[in-house]
């Protein structure tokens, strides 16, 4: 079987990704924020469930890597590591949220730091997005 026809068991389906620029912007502006030494995570609850059979929509991931982070090789490494951490911990994450993740400025990609802090950051960002005085009033 050719490589292009093989099924990828470890990939993220399109339904698990944020792909529109407007969705990234909305999550960045209105979502709760949490950061550690390595990553910044934004979380925003879904406005409406996607057209699926289940009551709770799955969480979706968006990864944004600024060009200041490095060349294409460095940026792609960041994306792979963040997506892999999301994929491994997807069952532990709350459903019904959009997450946008980006690296902190001047940090090198380290799998241990990304993987260790991902779930904690997501939890903190979710709590902050649900608090009464969340970031929706930020004047961006």
C-alpha atoms as a PDB file:
ATOM      1  CA  UNK A   1       0.000   0.000   0.000  1.00  0.00           C
ATOM      2  CA  UNK A   2       1.357   3.405  -0.884  1.00  0.00           C
ATOM      3  CA  UNK A   3       2.219   5.845   1.857  1.00  0.00           C
ATOM      4  CA  UNK A   4      -0.403   8.380   0.769  1.00  0.00           C
ATOM      5  CA  UNK A   5      -3.204   5.833   1.201  1.00  0.00           C
ATOM      6  CA  UNK A   6      -2.173   4.602   4.652  1.00  0.00           C
ATOM      7  CA  UNK A   7      -4.363   5.586   7.555  1.00  0.00           C
ATOM      8  CA  UNK A   8      -2.554   7.714  10.145  1.00  0.00           C
ATOM      9  CA  UNK A   9      -3.619   6.458  13.580  1.00  0.00           C
ATOM     10  CA  UNK A  10      -1.775   9.164  15.501  1.00  0.00           C
ATOM     11  CA  UNK A  11      -2.826  12.254  13.568  1.00  0.00           C
ATOM     12  CA  UNK A  12      -5.282  14.915  14.672  1.00  0.00           C
ATOM     13  CA  UNK A  13      -8.476  15.029  12.601  1.00  0.00           C
ATOM     14  CA  UNK A  14      -9.610  18.387  11.288  1.00  0.00           C
ATOM     15  CA  UNK A  15     -12.468  18.393  13.808  1.00  0.00           C
ATOM     16  CA  UNK A  16      -9.841  18.535  16.599  1.00  0.00           C
ATOM     17  CA  UNK A  17      -8.033  21.569  15.186  1.00  0.00           C
ATOM     18  CA  UNK A  18      -8.702  25.295  15.061  1.00  0.00           C
ATOM     19  CA  UNK A  19      -8.163  26.311  11.459  1.00  0.00           C
ATOM     20  CA  UNK A  20      -9.836  29.690  10.911  1.00  0.00           C
ATOM     21  CA  UNK A  21      -8.038  32.911  11.698  1.00  0.00           C
ATOM     22  CA  UNK A  22     -11.202  34.351  13.261  1.00  0.00           C
ATOM     23  CA  UNK A  23     -11.359  31.422  15.719  1.00  0.00           C
ATOM     24  CA  UNK A  24      -7.722  31.974  16.729  1.00  0.00           C
ATOM     25  CA  UNK A  25      -8.370  35.686  17.247  1.00  0.00           C
ATOM     26  CA  UNK A  26     -11.525  35.080  19.276  1.00  0.00           C
ATOM     27  CA  UNK A  27      -9.769  32.579  21.553  1.00  0.00           C
ATOM     28  CA  UNK A  28      -6.760  34.856  22.036  1.00  0.00           C
ATOM     29  CA  UNK A  29      -8.902  37.900  22.856  1.00  0.00           C
ATOM     30  CA  UNK A  30     -11.640  36.375  25.004  1.00  0.00           C
ATOM     31  CA  UNK A  31     -10.065  33.239  26.431  1.00  0.00           C
ATOM     32  CA  UNK A  32      -8.556  32.588  29.812  1.00  0.00           C
ATOM     33  CA  UNK A  33      -4.753  32.640  29.839  1.00  0.00           C
ATOM     34  CA  UNK A  34      -2.183  30.578  31.702  1.00  0.00           C
ATOM     35  CA  UNK A  35       1.583  30.492  31.254  1.00  0.00           C
ATOM     36  CA  UNK A  36       4.679  28.792  32.614  1.00  0.00           C
ATOM     37  CA  UNK A  37       8.363  29.040  31.709  1.00  0.00           C
ATOM     38  CA  UNK A  38       7.788  27.391  28.340  1.00  0.00           C
ATOM     39  CA  UNK A  39       4.215  27.813  27.032  1.00  0.00           C
ATOM     40  CA  UNK A  40       1.249  30.159  26.991  1.00  0.00           C
ATOM     41  CA  UNK A  41      -2.220  28.560  26.749  1.00  0.00           C
ATOM     42  CA  UNK A  42      -5.478  30.338  25.935  1.00  0.00           C
ATOM     43  CA  UNK A  43      -8.804  28.541  26.578  1.00  0.00           C
ATOM     44  CA  UNK A  44     -12.297  29.535  25.471  1.00  0.00           C
ATOM     45  CA  UNK A  45     -15.534  27.515  25.745  1.00  0.00           C
ATOM     46  CA  UNK A  46     -17.322  26.702  22.486  1.00  0.00           C
ATOM     47  CA  UNK A  47     -20.211  29.042  21.695  1.00  0.00           C
ATOM     48  CA  UNK A  48     -22.214  26.339  20.001  1.00  0.00           C
ATOM     49  CA  UNK A  49     -21.648  22.608  19.642  1.00  0.00           C
ATOM     50  CA  UNK A  50     -20.435  21.407  16.253  1.00  0.00           C
ATOM     51  CA  UNK A  51     -22.866  19.343  14.174  1.00  0.00           C
ATOM     52  CA  UNK A  52     -22.029  16.027  15.841  1.00  0.00           C
ATOM     53  CA  UNK A  53     -24.151  13.479  17.645  1.00  0.00           C
ATOM     54  CA  UNK A  54     -22.630  13.968  21.107  1.00  0.00           C
ATOM     55  CA  UNK A  55     -23.833  16.587  23.580  1.00  0.00           C
ATOM     56  CA  UNK A  56     -20.372  17.766  24.593  1.00  0.00           C
ATOM     57  CA  UNK A  57     -18.189  18.915  21.716  1.00  0.00           C
ATOM     58  CA  UNK A  58     -14.571  17.762  21.741  1.00  0.00           C
ATOM     59  CA  UNK A  59     -11.825  20.185  22.580  1.00  0.00           C
ATOM     60  CA  UNK A  60      -9.914  21.711  19.688  1.00  0.00           C
ATOM     61  CA  UNK A  61      -6.282  22.785  19.451  1.00  0.00           C
ATOM     62  CA  UNK A  62      -4.696  25.696  17.668  1.00  0.00           C
ATOM     63  CA  UNK A  63      -0.935  26.195  17.625  1.00  0.00           C
ATOM     64  CA  UNK A  64       0.622  29.508  16.731  1.00  0.00           C
ATOM     65  CA  UNK A  65       4.384  29.921  16.511  1.00  0.00           C
ATOM     66  CA  UNK A  66       5.735  33.438  15.827  1.00  0.00           C
ATOM     67  CA  UNK A  67       8.485  33.797  13.233  1.00  0.00           C
ATOM     68  CA  UNK A  68      10.701  35.331  15.912  1.00  0.00           C
ATOM     69  CA  UNK A  69      10.861  31.858  17.457  1.00  0.00           C
ATOM     70  CA  UNK A  70      13.244  30.689  14.759  1.00  0.00           C
ATOM     71  CA  UNK A  71      13.445  29.295  11.258  1.00  0.00           C
ATOM     72  CA  UNK A  72      10.915  26.858   9.764  1.00  0.00           C
ATOM     73  CA  UNK A  73      12.681  23.814  11.219  1.00  0.00           C
ATOM     74  CA  UNK A  74      12.477  25.226  14.749  1.00  0.00           C
ATOM     75  CA  UNK A  75       8.846  26.333  14.357  1.00  0.00           C
ATOM     76  CA  UNK A  76       7.790  22.948  12.977  1.00  0.00           C
ATOM     77  CA  UNK A  77       9.502  21.186  15.886  1.00  0.00           C
ATOM     78  CA  UNK A  78       7.501  23.320  18.333  1.00  0.00           C
ATOM     79  CA  UNK A  79       4.285  22.428  16.505  1.00  0.00           C
ATOM     80  CA  UNK A  80       5.043  18.708  16.530  1.00  0.00           C
ATOM     81  CA  UNK A  81       5.871  18.691  20.243  1.00  0.00           C
ATOM     82  CA  UNK A  82       2.783  20.691  21.231  1.00  0.00           C
ATOM     83  CA  UNK A  83       0.471  18.538  19.092  1.00  0.00           C
ATOM     84  CA  UNK A  84       1.981  15.353  20.497  1.00  0.00           C
ATOM     85  CA  UNK A  85       1.479  16.559  24.061  1.00  0.00           C
ATOM     86  CA  UNK A  86      -2.137  17.432  23.219  1.00  0.00           C
ATOM     87  CA  UNK A  87      -2.679  14.043  21.590  1.00  0.00           C
ATOM     88  CA  UNK A  88      -1.231  12.114  24.538  1.00  0.00           C
ATOM     89  CA  UNK A  89      -3.262  14.012  27.142  1.00  0.00           C
ATOM     90  CA  UNK A  90      -6.477  14.566  25.182  1.00  0.00           C
ATOM     91  CA  UNK A  91      -8.487  12.240  27.446  1.00  0.00           C
ATOM     92  CA  UNK A  92      -7.479  14.307  30.512  1.00  0.00           C
ATOM     93  CA  UNK A  93      -8.553  17.646  29.010  1.00  0.00           C
ATOM     94  CA  UNK A  94     -12.000  19.169  29.574  1.00  0.00           C
ATOM     95  CA  UNK A  95     -14.356  18.912  26.611  1.00  0.00           C
ATOM     96  CA  UNK A  96     -16.102  21.830  24.973  1.00  0.00           C
ATOM     97  CA  UNK A  97     -13.106  24.180  24.805  1.00  0.00           C
ATOM     98  CA  UNK A  98     -10.865  25.704  22.168  1.00  0.00           C
ATOM     99  CA  UNK A  99      -7.195  25.884  23.125  1.00  0.00           C
ATOM    100  CA  UNK A 100      -4.558  28.046  21.465  1.00  0.00           C
ATOM    101  CA  UNK A 101      -0.985  27.298  22.485  1.00  0.00           C
ATOM    102  CA  UNK A 102       2.162  29.243  21.719  1.00  0.00           C
ATOM    103  CA  UNK A 103       5.720  29.148  23.054  1.00  0.00           C
ATOM    104  CA  UNK A 104       7.080  31.861  25.285  1.00  0.00           C
ATOM    105  CA  UNK A 105       9.602  34.254  23.841  1.00  0.00           C
ATOM    106  CA  UNK A 106      13.266  33.162  23.740  1.00  0.00           C
ATOM    107  CA  UNK A 107      12.647  29.570  24.903  1.00  0.00           C
ATOM    108  CA  UNK A 108      13.971  26.490  23.128  1.00  0.00           C
ATOM    109  CA  UNK A 109      11.666  23.545  22.476  1.00  0.00           C
ATOM    110  CA  UNK A 110      12.088  20.940  25.230  1.00  0.00           C
ATOM    111  CA  UNK A 111       9.774  17.936  25.210  1.00  0.00           C
ATOM    112  CA  UNK A 112       9.983  17.392  28.973  1.00  0.00           C
ATOM    113  CA  UNK A 113       8.912  20.958  29.787  1.00  0.00           C
ATOM    114  CA  UNK A 114       6.112  20.975  27.223  1.00  0.00           C
ATOM    115  CA  UNK A 115       4.724  17.590  28.200  1.00  0.00           C
ATOM    116  CA  UNK A 116       5.028  18.153  31.947  1.00  0.00           C
ATOM    117  CA  UNK A 117       3.225  21.496  32.037  1.00  0.00           C
ATOM    118  CA  UNK A 118       0.603  21.107  29.317  1.00  0.00           C
ATOM    119  CA  UNK A 119      -2.290  19.642  31.340  1.00  0.00           C
ATOM    120  CA  UNK A 120      -1.711  21.982  34.301  1.00  0.00           C
ATOM    121  CA  UNK A 121      -1.699  25.032  32.035  1.00  0.00           C
ATOM    122  CA  UNK A 122      -4.861  23.928  30.265  1.00  0.00           C
ATOM    123  CA  UNK A 123      -6.598  23.456  33.621  1.00  0.00           C
ATOM    124  CA  UNK A 124      -5.573  26.909  34.803  1.00  0.00           C
ATOM    125  CA  UNK A 125      -6.622  28.543  31.517  1.00  0.00           C
ATOM    126  CA  UNK A 126     -10.015  26.812  31.668  1.00  0.00           C
ATOM    127  CA  UNK A 127     -10.605  28.001  35.240  1.00  0.00           C
ATOM    128  CA  UNK A 128      -9.680  31.551  34.277  1.00  0.00           C
ATOM    129  CA  UNK A 129     -11.971  31.469  31.230  1.00  0.00           C
ATOM    130  CA  UNK A 130     -14.897  30.482  33.446  1.00  0.00           C
ATOM    131  CA  UNK A 131     -14.293  33.036  36.198  1.00  0.00           C
ATOM    132  CA  UNK A 132     -16.742  35.980  36.320  1.00  0.00           C
ATOM    133  CA  UNK A 133     -14.048  38.592  35.630  1.00  0.00           C
ATOM    134  CA  UNK A 134     -12.378  36.699  32.797  1.00  0.00           C
ATOM    135  CA  UNK A 135     -10.327  38.272  30.041  1.00  0.00           C
ATOM    136  CA  UNK A 136     -13.292  39.142  27.817  1.00  0.00           C
ATOM    137  CA  UNK A 137     -13.047  42.728  29.037  1.00  0.00           C
ATOM    138  CA  UNK A 138      -9.437  43.092  27.872  1.00  0.00           C
ATOM    139  CA  UNK A 139      -9.149  46.080  25.594  1.00  0.00           C
ATOM    140  CA  UNK A 140      -7.315  44.429  22.713  1.00  0.00           C
END
